[in-house]
Amino acid sequence: MTSILVYYGTGEGQTAKIADRVVDAVSDRGHEARAGDAADGLGDLSLDDFDAVIVGASIHAGKHQSAVGSFVNANREALAAKPTAFFQVSMSSATENGRDTAAGYVEEFLDATGWHPDRIAMFGGALRFSEYGFLKRLFVKQIAKREFPDVNRSADVEFTEWQAVADFANDIAAFVEARLGVTPPRSGTTTE
């Protein structure tokens, strides 16, 4: 069994939700997985406590959370010694036209941090109209009208493809197993 940290930064909660799904999928394969919010830091944890690290961040106004960039910069050597992955959450990833923009954000982040994760994924985010203040809701509805004309702007909308999240998590787990020479235990079973 391996221990995997899913360390993320979130603006409105969708990245946290995705991180939890990644933890669930990795745990279902029989590994120990734990999510940690970059806003809270590592606390008393050390990267030495984990066999692999998955980092996630969302995009707001063209930028990732600074706490995520700081984490990667501060731990670049430790990350280079482990299997790692990066996932990004953005509205750009929710459309075919926006995927090049989303890929540019990833490239910019990796260039700025000098990090080279083993796997990368980009997921669509969510629009939580019910949580926005009046001005933000008005602004975001105008953008949504232009970018997502068929979307009901009177309710919250998720653009995350959950099967893609599960596939990413399983791909990472399989990569970690192969790289570390670990046979995954079966979840829900015990040995006697």
N, C-alpha and C. Protein backbone atom coordinates (compact mmCIF):
# COMPACT_ATOMS: atom_id res chain seq x y z
N MET A 1 0.85 -1.17 0.00
CA MET A 1 0.00 0.00 0.00
C MET A 1 0.89 1.23 0.00
N THR A 2 0.48 2.26 -0.75
CA THR A 2 1.21 3.51 -0.79
C THR A 2 0.39 4.60 -0.12
N SER A 3 1.06 5.68 0.21
CA SER A 3 0.42 6.84 0.82
C SER A 3 0.54 8.00 -0.15
N ILE A 4 -0.60 8.59 -0.51
CA ILE A 4 -0.62 9.65 -1.52
C ILE A 4 -1.27 10.90 -0.95
N LEU A 5 -0.59 12.03 -1.11
CA LEU A 5 -1.12 13.32 -0.70
C LEU A 5 -1.74 14.00 -1.91
N VAL A 6 -2.96 14.51 -1.73
CA VAL A 6 -3.61 15.33 -2.75
C VAL A 6 -3.69 16.74 -2.15
N TYR A 7 -2.79 17.59 -2.59
CA TYR A 7 -2.63 18.94 -2.03
C TYR A 7 -3.21 19.93 -3.04
N TYR A 8 -4.14 20.76 -2.61
CA TYR A 8 -4.87 21.58 -3.57
C TYR A 8 -5.11 22.99 -3.06
N GLY A 9 -5.36 23.87 -4.01
CA GLY A 9 -5.83 25.22 -3.73
C GLY A 9 -7.18 25.38 -4.41
N THR A 10 -8.11 26.01 -3.73
CA THR A 10 -9.45 26.17 -4.29
C THR A 10 -9.95 27.58 -4.05
N GLY A 11 -10.72 28.08 -4.99
CA GLY A 11 -11.29 29.41 -4.85
C GLY A 11 -12.73 29.37 -4.41
N GLU A 12 -13.49 28.47 -5.03
CA GLU A 12 -14.93 28.40 -4.75
C GLU A 12 -15.39 27.00 -4.36
N GLY A 13 -14.46 26.08 -4.19
CA GLY A 13 -14.80 24.76 -3.69
C GLY A 13 -14.78 23.62 -4.69
N GLN A 14 -14.76 23.90 -5.99
CA GLN A 14 -14.79 22.80 -6.97
C GLN A 14 -13.49 22.00 -6.96
N THR A 15 -12.37 22.67 -6.78
CA THR A 15 -11.10 21.95 -6.74
C THR A 15 -11.04 21.04 -5.52
N ALA A 16 -11.59 21.51 -4.41
CA ALA A 16 -11.65 20.67 -3.20
C ALA A 16 -12.52 19.44 -3.46
N LYS A 17 -13.62 19.65 -4.15
CA LYS A 17 -14.53 18.53 -4.47
C LYS A 17 -13.82 17.51 -5.37
N ILE A 18 -13.06 18.01 -6.34
CA ILE A 18 -12.30 17.12 -7.22
C ILE A 18 -11.22 16.39 -6.44
N ALA A 19 -10.53 17.09 -5.56
CA ALA A 19 -9.49 16.46 -4.73
C ALA A 19 -10.09 15.33 -3.90
N ASP A 20 -11.26 15.55 -3.34
CA ASP A 20 -11.93 14.50 -2.56
C ASP A 20 -12.26 13.29 -3.43
N ARG A 21 -12.69 13.52 -4.67
CA ARG A 21 -12.98 12.41 -5.58
C ARG A 21 -11.71 11.64 -5.92
N VAL A 22 -10.61 12.36 -6.10
CA VAL A 22 -9.33 11.69 -6.38
C VAL A 22 -8.94 10.82 -5.18
N VAL A 23 -9.07 11.37 -3.98
CA VAL A 23 -8.78 10.61 -2.76
C VAL A 23 -9.64 9.35 -2.72
N ASP A 24 -10.93 9.49 -3.00
CA ASP A 24 -11.84 8.33 -2.98
C ASP A 24 -11.41 7.26 -3.99
N ALA A 25 -11.06 7.68 -5.20
CA ALA A 25 -10.69 6.72 -6.24
C ALA A 25 -9.39 6.00 -5.88
N VAL A 26 -8.41 6.74 -5.37
CA VAL A 26 -7.14 6.13 -4.98
C VAL A 26 -7.36 5.19 -3.79
N SER A 27 -8.19 5.60 -2.85
CA SER A 27 -8.50 4.75 -1.69
C SER A 27 -9.22 3.48 -2.12
N ASP A 28 -10.09 3.59 -3.12
CA ASP A 28 -10.81 2.42 -3.62
C ASP A 28 -9.86 1.38 -4.22
N ARG A 29 -8.68 1.82 -4.65
CA ARG A 29 -7.67 0.90 -5.17
C ARG A 29 -6.87 0.26 -4.04
N GLY A 30 -7.15 0.69 -2.80
CA GLY A 30 -6.48 0.09 -1.64
C GLY A 30 -5.32 0.89 -1.09
N HIS A 31 -5.14 2.10 -1.57
CA HIS A 31 -4.05 2.93 -1.08
C HIS A 31 -4.56 3.92 -0.04
N GLU A 32 -3.63 4.44 0.74
CA GLU A 32 -3.96 5.47 1.71
C GLU A 32 -3.83 6.82 1.00
N ALA A 33 -4.86 7.64 1.06
CA ALA A 33 -4.82 8.94 0.41
C ALA A 33 -5.40 9.99 1.35
N ARG A 34 -4.84 11.18 1.25
CA ARG A 34 -5.27 12.26 2.13
C ARG A 34 -5.26 13.56 1.34
N ALA A 35 -6.31 14.36 1.50
CA ALA A 35 -6.39 15.66 0.85
C ALA A 35 -5.97 16.74 1.84
N GLY A 36 -5.29 17.76 1.33
CA GLY A 36 -4.89 18.89 2.16
C GLY A 36 -5.06 20.19 1.40
N ASP A 37 -5.69 21.16 2.03
CA ASP A 37 -5.94 22.47 1.43
C ASP A 37 -4.70 23.35 1.60
N ALA A 38 -4.20 23.90 0.51
CA ALA A 38 -3.00 24.75 0.56
C ALA A 38 -3.21 25.96 1.46
N ALA A 39 -4.45 26.40 1.61
CA ALA A 39 -4.72 27.54 2.50
C ALA A 39 -4.39 27.21 3.95
N ASP A 40 -4.42 25.92 4.29
CA ASP A 40 -4.11 25.47 5.65
C ASP A 40 -2.65 25.06 5.82
N GLY A 41 -1.92 24.93 4.72
CA GLY A 41 -0.53 24.47 4.78
C GLY A 41 -0.46 22.99 5.11
N LEU A 42 0.74 22.50 5.29
CA LEU A 42 0.95 21.08 5.60
C LEU A 42 0.75 20.77 7.08
N GLY A 43 0.76 21.80 7.93
CA GLY A 43 0.62 21.54 9.36
C GLY A 43 1.80 20.72 9.85
N ASP A 44 1.51 19.66 10.59
CA ASP A 44 2.59 18.82 11.13
C ASP A 44 2.99 17.69 10.17
N LEU A 45 2.45 17.71 8.96
CA LEU A 45 2.82 16.69 7.96
C LEU A 45 4.12 17.07 7.26
N SER A 46 4.75 16.07 6.72
CA SER A 46 5.95 16.25 5.91
C SER A 46 5.75 15.49 4.61
N LEU A 47 6.32 15.98 3.54
CA LEU A 47 6.23 15.23 2.29
C LEU A 47 6.90 13.87 2.40
N ASP A 48 7.81 13.73 3.38
CA ASP A 48 8.44 12.42 3.62
C ASP A 48 7.41 11.38 4.08
N ASP A 49 6.24 11.84 4.55
CA ASP A 49 5.19 10.93 5.00
C ASP A 49 4.44 10.28 3.84
N PHE A 50 4.70 10.74 2.61
CA PHE A 50 3.94 10.29 1.45
C PHE A 50 4.84 9.72 0.37
N ASP A 51 4.33 8.69 -0.32
CA ASP A 51 5.06 8.07 -1.42
C ASP A 51 4.88 8.83 -2.73
N ALA A 52 3.78 9.56 -2.86
CA ALA A 52 3.47 10.30 -4.08
C ALA A 52 2.64 11.53 -3.72
N VAL A 53 2.68 12.52 -4.62
CA VAL A 53 1.95 13.77 -4.36
C VAL A 53 1.21 14.18 -5.63
N ILE A 54 -0.05 14.52 -5.45
CA ILE A 54 -0.87 15.09 -6.50
C ILE A 54 -1.20 16.52 -6.07
N VAL A 55 -0.95 17.47 -6.94
CA VAL A 55 -1.21 18.88 -6.65
C VAL A 55 -2.32 19.36 -7.57
N GLY A 56 -3.28 20.08 -7.00
CA GLY A 56 -4.37 20.64 -7.79
C GLY A 56 -4.53 22.12 -7.52
N ALA A 57 -4.94 22.87 -8.54
CA ALA A 57 -5.16 24.31 -8.38
C ALA A 57 -6.23 24.75 -9.37
N SER A 58 -6.94 25.78 -8.97
CA SER A 58 -7.92 26.35 -9.88
C SER A 58 -7.41 27.68 -10.43
N ILE A 59 -8.04 28.11 -11.48
CA ILE A 59 -7.69 29.38 -12.13
C ILE A 59 -8.77 30.41 -11.80
N HIS A 60 -8.32 31.56 -11.34
CA HIS A 60 -9.20 32.72 -11.14
C HIS A 60 -8.48 33.93 -11.68
N ALA A 61 -9.12 34.62 -12.60
CA ALA A 61 -8.53 35.80 -13.24
C ALA A 61 -7.16 35.48 -13.83
N GLY A 62 -7.04 34.28 -14.41
CA GLY A 62 -5.82 33.90 -15.10
C GLY A 62 -4.68 33.44 -14.21
N LYS A 63 -4.93 33.27 -12.92
CA LYS A 63 -3.87 32.89 -12.00
C LYS A 63 -4.28 31.71 -11.13
N HIS A 64 -3.29 30.89 -10.74
CA HIS A 64 -3.49 29.83 -9.76
C HIS A 64 -3.35 30.42 -8.37
N GLN A 65 -3.80 29.69 -7.36
CA GLN A 65 -3.63 30.15 -5.99
C GLN A 65 -2.15 30.29 -5.67
N SER A 66 -1.77 31.42 -5.08
CA SER A 66 -0.35 31.65 -4.78
C SER A 66 0.17 30.62 -3.78
N ALA A 67 -0.69 30.12 -2.88
CA ALA A 67 -0.25 29.12 -1.90
C ALA A 67 0.20 27.84 -2.58
N VAL A 68 -0.41 27.50 -3.71
CA VAL A 68 -0.02 26.29 -4.43
C VAL A 68 1.34 26.49 -5.09
N GLY A 69 1.52 27.64 -5.73
CA GLY A 69 2.82 27.94 -6.33
C GLY A 69 3.92 27.98 -5.28
N SER A 70 3.64 28.56 -4.13
CA SER A 70 4.63 28.61 -3.04
C SER A 70 4.97 27.22 -2.54
N PHE A 71 3.96 26.35 -2.43
CA PHE A 71 4.19 24.97 -2.00
C PHE A 71 5.10 24.24 -2.98
N VAL A 72 4.82 24.36 -4.27
CA VAL A 72 5.63 23.68 -5.28
C VAL A 72 7.06 24.23 -5.26
N ASN A 73 7.20 25.56 -5.22
CA ASN A 73 8.54 26.15 -5.19
C ASN A 73 9.33 25.71 -3.97
N ALA A 74 8.68 25.69 -2.82
CA ALA A 74 9.37 25.32 -1.57
C ALA A 74 9.73 23.84 -1.51
N ASN A 75 9.01 23.01 -2.26
CA ASN A 75 9.19 21.55 -2.17
C ASN A 75 9.62 20.92 -3.49
N ARG A 76 10.16 21.70 -4.39
CA ARG A 76 10.49 21.20 -5.73
C ARG A 76 11.41 19.98 -5.68
N GLU A 77 12.42 19.99 -4.83
CA GLU A 77 13.35 18.84 -4.75
C GLU A 77 12.65 17.59 -4.24
N ALA A 78 11.83 17.75 -3.20
CA ALA A 78 11.10 16.60 -2.66
C ALA A 78 10.11 16.06 -3.69
N LEU A 79 9.47 16.95 -4.44
CA LEU A 79 8.52 16.51 -5.47
C LEU A 79 9.24 15.78 -6.61
N ALA A 80 10.44 16.23 -6.93
CA ALA A 80 11.20 15.60 -8.02
C ALA A 80 11.60 14.17 -7.68
N ALA A 81 11.63 13.84 -6.40
CA ALA A 81 12.05 12.51 -5.96
C ALA A 81 10.89 11.52 -5.84
N LYS A 82 9.67 11.98 -6.12
CA LYS A 82 8.48 11.14 -5.97
C LYS A 82 7.66 11.12 -7.25
N PRO A 83 6.79 10.15 -7.40
CA PRO A 83 5.80 10.25 -8.46
C PRO A 83 4.86 11.42 -8.15
N THR A 84 4.61 12.26 -9.14
CA THR A 84 3.75 13.42 -8.93
C THR A 84 2.80 13.64 -10.09
N ALA A 85 1.75 14.39 -9.80
CA ALA A 85 0.78 14.76 -10.83
C ALA A 85 0.25 16.15 -10.50
N PHE A 86 -0.27 16.80 -11.52
CA PHE A 86 -0.87 18.12 -11.36
C PHE A 86 -2.21 18.13 -12.07
N PHE A 87 -3.24 18.68 -11.41
CA PHE A 87 -4.50 18.91 -12.10
C PHE A 87 -4.93 20.35 -11.91
N GLN A 88 -5.51 20.88 -12.96
CA GLN A 88 -5.96 22.26 -12.98
C GLN A 88 -7.47 22.29 -13.22
N VAL A 89 -8.14 23.19 -12.55
CA VAL A 89 -9.58 23.35 -12.70
C VAL A 89 -9.84 24.76 -13.22
N SER A 90 -10.54 24.85 -14.33
CA SER A 90 -10.84 26.17 -14.91
C SER A 90 -12.07 26.09 -15.79
N MET A 91 -12.66 27.23 -16.00
CA MET A 91 -13.79 27.29 -16.93
C MET A 91 -13.28 27.16 -18.36
N SER A 92 -12.04 27.54 -18.61
CA SER A 92 -11.46 27.39 -19.94
C SER A 92 -11.45 25.92 -20.37
N SER A 93 -11.24 25.02 -19.41
CA SER A 93 -11.20 23.59 -19.72
C SER A 93 -12.57 23.03 -20.06
N ALA A 94 -13.61 23.81 -19.82
CA ALA A 94 -14.97 23.33 -20.04
C ALA A 94 -15.41 23.44 -21.50
N THR A 95 -14.62 24.11 -22.34
CA THR A 95 -15.01 24.26 -23.74
C THR A 95 -13.85 23.87 -24.65
N GLU A 96 -14.17 23.42 -25.83
CA GLU A 96 -13.13 23.10 -26.83
C GLU A 96 -12.30 24.34 -27.14
N ASN A 97 -12.97 25.47 -27.31
CA ASN A 97 -12.27 26.71 -27.65
C ASN A 97 -11.34 27.17 -26.55
N GLY A 98 -11.64 26.83 -25.31
CA GLY A 98 -10.85 27.30 -24.18
C GLY A 98 -9.71 26.39 -23.78
N ARG A 99 -9.64 25.21 -24.35
CA ARG A 99 -8.62 24.24 -23.90
C ARG A 99 -7.19 24.70 -24.15
N ASP A 100 -6.96 25.43 -25.24
CA ASP A 100 -5.62 25.96 -25.49
C ASP A 100 -5.25 26.99 -24.42
N THR A 101 -6.23 27.81 -24.03
CA THR A 101 -6.00 28.79 -22.97
C THR A 101 -5.68 28.07 -21.68
N ALA A 102 -6.45 27.02 -21.35
CA ALA A 102 -6.21 26.25 -20.12
C ALA A 102 -4.82 25.62 -20.15
N ALA A 103 -4.43 25.07 -21.29
CA ALA A 103 -3.10 24.47 -21.40
C ALA A 103 -2.02 25.53 -21.21
N GLY A 104 -2.27 26.74 -21.68
CA GLY A 104 -1.33 27.84 -21.48
C GLY A 104 -1.15 28.17 -20.00
N TYR A 105 -2.24 28.11 -19.24
CA TYR A 105 -2.15 28.35 -17.79
C TYR A 105 -1.28 27.28 -17.12
N VAL A 106 -1.45 26.03 -17.54
CA VAL A 106 -0.64 24.95 -16.98
C VAL A 106 0.83 25.19 -17.31
N GLU A 107 1.11 25.47 -18.57
CA GLU A 107 2.49 25.69 -19.00
C GLU A 107 3.12 26.86 -18.24
N GLU A 108 2.36 27.92 -18.06
CA GLU A 108 2.85 29.08 -17.32
C GLU A 108 3.19 28.72 -15.87
N PHE A 109 2.32 27.93 -15.23
CA PHE A 109 2.55 27.51 -13.85
C PHE A 109 3.80 26.64 -13.74
N LEU A 110 3.93 25.69 -14.64
CA LEU A 110 5.09 24.79 -14.60
C LEU A 110 6.39 25.53 -14.91
N ASP A 111 6.34 26.47 -15.84
CA ASP A 111 7.52 27.29 -16.14
C ASP A 111 7.92 28.13 -14.92
N ALA A 112 6.91 28.72 -14.27
CA ALA A 112 7.19 29.60 -13.12
C ALA A 112 7.75 28.83 -11.93
N THR A 113 7.33 27.58 -11.78
CA THR A 113 7.78 26.80 -10.62
C THR A 113 8.96 25.88 -10.93
N GLY A 114 9.20 25.60 -12.21
CA GLY A 114 10.28 24.69 -12.58
C GLY A 114 9.97 23.24 -12.24
N TRP A 115 8.70 22.94 -12.01
CA TRP A 115 8.28 21.60 -11.64
C TRP A 115 7.90 20.80 -12.89
N HIS A 116 8.17 19.50 -12.85
CA HIS A 116 7.86 18.62 -13.98
C HIS A 116 7.07 17.41 -13.47
N PRO A 117 5.76 17.56 -13.28
CA PRO A 117 4.96 16.42 -12.79
C PRO A 117 4.91 15.30 -13.84
N ASP A 118 4.69 14.10 -13.35
CA ASP A 118 4.63 12.94 -14.23
C ASP A 118 3.33 12.87 -15.03
N ARG A 119 2.26 13.39 -14.48
CA ARG A 119 0.96 13.38 -15.13
C ARG A 119 0.31 14.76 -14.94
N ILE A 120 -0.49 15.17 -15.94
CA ILE A 120 -1.20 16.44 -15.90
C ILE A 120 -2.61 16.23 -16.41
N ALA A 121 -3.58 16.88 -15.76
CA ALA A 121 -4.97 16.84 -16.22
C ALA A 121 -5.59 18.22 -16.06
N MET A 122 -6.57 18.49 -16.91
CA MET A 122 -7.32 19.75 -16.84
C MET A 122 -8.80 19.41 -16.79
N PHE A 123 -9.50 19.99 -15.81
CA PHE A 123 -10.92 19.73 -15.63
C PHE A 123 -11.72 21.03 -15.67
N GLY A 124 -12.95 20.91 -16.17
CA GLY A 124 -13.85 22.06 -16.13
C GLY A 124 -14.27 22.32 -14.69
N GLY A 125 -14.55 23.56 -14.41
CA GLY A 125 -14.93 23.96 -13.06
C GLY A 125 -16.42 24.01 -12.86
N ALA A 126 -16.87 25.01 -12.13
CA ALA A 126 -18.30 25.16 -11.83
C ALA A 126 -18.63 26.64 -11.73
N LEU A 127 -19.87 26.96 -11.98
CA LEU A 127 -20.38 28.31 -11.75
C LEU A 127 -21.39 28.20 -10.62
N ARG A 128 -21.09 28.86 -9.53
CA ARG A 128 -21.95 28.81 -8.33
C ARG A 128 -22.64 30.16 -8.17
N PHE A 129 -23.60 30.40 -9.06
CA PHE A 129 -24.31 31.68 -9.04
C PHE A 129 -24.93 31.98 -7.68
N SER A 130 -25.41 30.94 -7.00
CA SER A 130 -26.09 31.13 -5.72
C SER A 130 -25.15 31.64 -4.63
N GLU A 131 -23.84 31.50 -4.82
CA GLU A 131 -22.88 31.92 -3.81
C GLU A 131 -22.24 33.27 -4.11
N TYR A 132 -22.51 33.84 -5.30
CA TYR A 132 -21.89 35.10 -5.68
C TYR A 132 -22.69 36.27 -5.14
N GLY A 133 -21.98 37.34 -4.85
CA GLY A 133 -22.65 38.59 -4.52
C GLY A 133 -23.29 39.16 -5.78
N PHE A 134 -24.07 40.21 -5.63
CA PHE A 134 -24.83 40.76 -6.75
C PHE A 134 -23.94 41.11 -7.94
N LEU A 135 -22.89 41.90 -7.73
CA LEU A 135 -22.05 42.34 -8.84
C LEU A 135 -21.30 41.19 -9.50
N LYS A 136 -20.76 40.28 -8.70
CA LYS A 136 -20.05 39.14 -9.28
C LYS A 136 -21.02 38.26 -10.06
N ARG A 137 -22.21 38.03 -9.50
CA ARG A 137 -23.20 37.20 -10.20
C ARG A 137 -23.54 37.82 -11.56
N LEU A 138 -23.74 39.14 -11.59
CA LEU A 138 -24.06 39.84 -12.83
C LEU A 138 -22.92 39.71 -13.83
N PHE A 139 -21.70 39.92 -13.37
CA PHE A 139 -20.52 39.82 -14.21
C PHE A 139 -20.35 38.40 -14.77
N VAL A 140 -20.44 37.40 -13.90
CA VAL A 140 -20.25 36.01 -14.32
C VAL A 140 -21.37 35.57 -15.26
N LYS A 141 -22.59 36.02 -15.02
CA LYS A 141 -23.69 35.67 -15.93
C LYS A 141 -23.45 36.22 -17.33
N GLN A 142 -22.86 37.40 -17.44
CA GLN A 142 -22.55 37.96 -18.75
C GLN A 142 -21.50 37.12 -19.47
N ILE A 143 -20.49 36.71 -18.73
CA ILE A 143 -19.45 35.85 -19.32
C ILE A 143 -20.05 34.51 -19.72
N ALA A 144 -20.88 33.94 -18.84
CA ALA A 144 -21.50 32.64 -19.12
C ALA A 144 -22.42 32.73 -20.34
N LYS A 145 -23.11 33.83 -20.48
CA LYS A 145 -23.99 34.01 -21.63
C LYS A 145 -23.20 33.96 -22.93
N ARG A 146 -22.01 34.55 -22.91
CA ARG A 146 -21.16 34.57 -24.10
C ARG A 146 -20.47 33.22 -24.33
N GLU A 147 -19.92 32.63 -23.26
CA GLU A 147 -19.14 31.41 -23.39
C GLU A 147 -19.97 30.12 -23.38
N PHE A 148 -21.08 30.15 -22.65
CA PHE A 148 -21.93 28.96 -22.49
C PHE A 148 -23.39 29.35 -22.75
N PRO A 149 -23.74 29.68 -23.98
CA PRO A 149 -25.07 30.20 -24.26
C PRO A 149 -26.21 29.24 -23.93
N ASP A 150 -25.95 27.95 -23.90
CA ASP A 150 -27.02 26.99 -23.63
C ASP A 150 -27.18 26.66 -22.15
N VAL A 151 -26.38 27.27 -21.30
CA VAL A 151 -26.40 26.96 -19.87
C VAL A 151 -27.47 27.80 -19.15
N ASN A 152 -28.20 27.13 -18.28
CA ASN A 152 -29.19 27.81 -17.45
C ASN A 152 -28.44 28.65 -16.42
N ARG A 153 -28.54 29.95 -16.53
CA ARG A 153 -27.80 30.85 -15.64
C ARG A 153 -28.59 31.21 -14.38
N SER A 154 -29.69 30.53 -14.16
CA SER A 154 -30.48 30.80 -12.95
C SER A 154 -30.18 29.75 -11.86
N ALA A 155 -29.28 28.81 -12.15
CA ALA A 155 -28.93 27.76 -11.18
C ALA A 155 -27.43 27.49 -11.26
N ASP A 156 -26.89 26.92 -10.21
CA ASP A 156 -25.48 26.53 -10.20
C ASP A 156 -25.24 25.44 -11.24
N VAL A 157 -24.04 25.46 -11.85
CA VAL A 157 -23.72 24.52 -12.92
C VAL A 157 -22.32 23.96 -12.71
N GLU A 158 -22.18 22.65 -12.83
CA GLU A 158 -20.88 21.98 -12.78
C GLU A 158 -20.48 21.56 -14.19
N PHE A 159 -19.23 21.85 -14.55
CA PHE A 159 -18.71 21.44 -15.85
C PHE A 159 -17.68 20.32 -15.72
N THR A 160 -17.43 19.87 -14.52
CA THR A 160 -16.45 18.81 -14.28
C THR A 160 -16.96 17.49 -14.82
N GLU A 161 -16.14 16.81 -15.59
CA GLU A 161 -16.46 15.47 -16.09
C GLU A 161 -15.92 14.48 -15.07
N TRP A 162 -16.83 13.94 -14.26
CA TRP A 162 -16.42 13.11 -13.13
C TRP A 162 -15.75 11.80 -13.56
N GLN A 163 -16.12 11.26 -14.70
CA GLN A 163 -15.44 10.05 -15.18
C GLN A 163 -13.99 10.36 -15.53
N ALA A 164 -13.74 11.55 -16.08
CA ALA A 164 -12.36 11.95 -16.38
C ALA A 164 -11.55 12.10 -15.10
N VAL A 165 -12.17 12.57 -14.03
CA VAL A 165 -11.49 12.68 -12.74
C VAL A 165 -11.13 11.28 -12.23
N ALA A 166 -12.08 10.34 -12.30
CA ALA A 166 -11.82 8.97 -11.85
C ALA A 166 -10.72 8.32 -12.70
N ASP A 167 -10.77 8.55 -14.01
CA ASP A 167 -9.74 7.99 -14.89
C ASP A 167 -8.36 8.55 -14.55
N PHE A 168 -8.29 9.85 -14.29
CA PHE A 168 -7.03 10.49 -13.89
C PHE A 168 -6.50 9.87 -12.60
N ALA A 169 -7.36 9.74 -11.61
CA ALA A 169 -6.95 9.17 -10.31
C ALA A 169 -6.45 7.74 -10.48
N ASN A 170 -7.15 6.95 -11.27
CA ASN A 170 -6.73 5.56 -11.49
C ASN A 170 -5.43 5.48 -12.29
N ASP A 171 -5.25 6.39 -13.23
CA ASP A 171 -4.01 6.44 -13.99
C ASP A 171 -2.84 6.78 -13.07
N ILE A 172 -3.04 7.76 -12.19
CA ILE A 172 -1.98 8.13 -11.25
C ILE A 172 -1.66 6.96 -10.33
N ALA A 173 -2.69 6.33 -9.78
CA ALA A 173 -2.47 5.20 -8.87
C ALA A 173 -1.70 4.08 -9.58
N ALA A 174 -2.08 3.77 -10.81
CA ALA A 174 -1.38 2.73 -11.57
C ALA A 174 0.07 3.13 -11.84
N PHE A 175 0.30 4.39 -12.14
CA PHE A 175 1.66 4.88 -12.37
C PHE A 175 2.50 4.75 -11.10
N VAL A 176 1.93 5.15 -9.97
CA VAL A 176 2.64 5.05 -8.69
C VAL A 176 2.96 3.59 -8.38
N GLU A 177 1.98 2.71 -8.58
CA GLU A 177 2.20 1.28 -8.32
C GLU A 177 3.35 0.75 -9.17
N ALA A 178 3.36 1.11 -10.45
CA ALA A 178 4.41 0.62 -11.35
C ALA A 178 5.77 1.21 -10.98
N ARG A 179 5.78 2.49 -10.70
CA ARG A 179 7.07 3.15 -10.39
C ARG A 179 7.66 2.65 -9.07
N LEU A 180 6.80 2.38 -8.10
CA LEU A 180 7.30 1.94 -6.79
C LEU A 180 7.32 0.42 -6.65
N GLY A 181 6.85 -0.29 -7.69
CA GLY A 181 6.84 -1.75 -7.63
C GLY A 181 5.88 -2.29 -6.59
N VAL A 182 4.73 -1.65 -6.48
CA VAL A 182 3.73 -2.03 -5.47
C VAL A 182 2.56 -2.71 -6.15
N THR A 183 2.13 -3.82 -5.58
CA THR A 183 0.91 -4.47 -6.04
C THR A 183 -0.22 -3.89 -5.21
N PRO A 184 -1.23 -3.34 -5.88
CA PRO A 184 -2.31 -2.71 -5.10
C PRO A 184 -3.09 -3.74 -4.30
N PRO A 185 -3.29 -3.43 -3.01
CA PRO A 185 -4.15 -4.32 -2.23
C PRO A 185 -5.58 -4.15 -2.71
N ARG A 186 -6.36 -5.15 -2.52
CA ARG A 186 -7.78 -5.03 -2.87
C ARG A 186 -8.49 -4.30 -1.76
N SER A 187 -9.24 -3.28 -2.11
CA SER A 187 -9.96 -2.56 -1.07
C SER A 187 -11.14 -3.41 -0.60
N GLY A 188 -11.45 -3.24 0.64
CA GLY A 188 -12.60 -3.95 1.19
C GLY A 188 -12.33 -5.41 1.52
N THR A 189 -11.08 -5.86 1.34
CA THR A 189 -10.77 -7.26 1.67
C THR A 189 -9.73 -7.28 2.79
N THR A 190 -9.69 -8.35 3.49
CA THR A 190 -8.70 -8.50 4.54
C THR A 190 -7.93 -9.77 4.30
N THR A 191 -6.72 -9.80 4.80
CA THR A 191 -5.92 -11.02 4.68
C THR A 191 -5.89 -11.70 6.04
N GLU A 192 -5.81 -12.99 6.01
CA GLU A 192 -5.78 -13.74 7.27
C GLU A 192 -4.49 -14.48 7.41
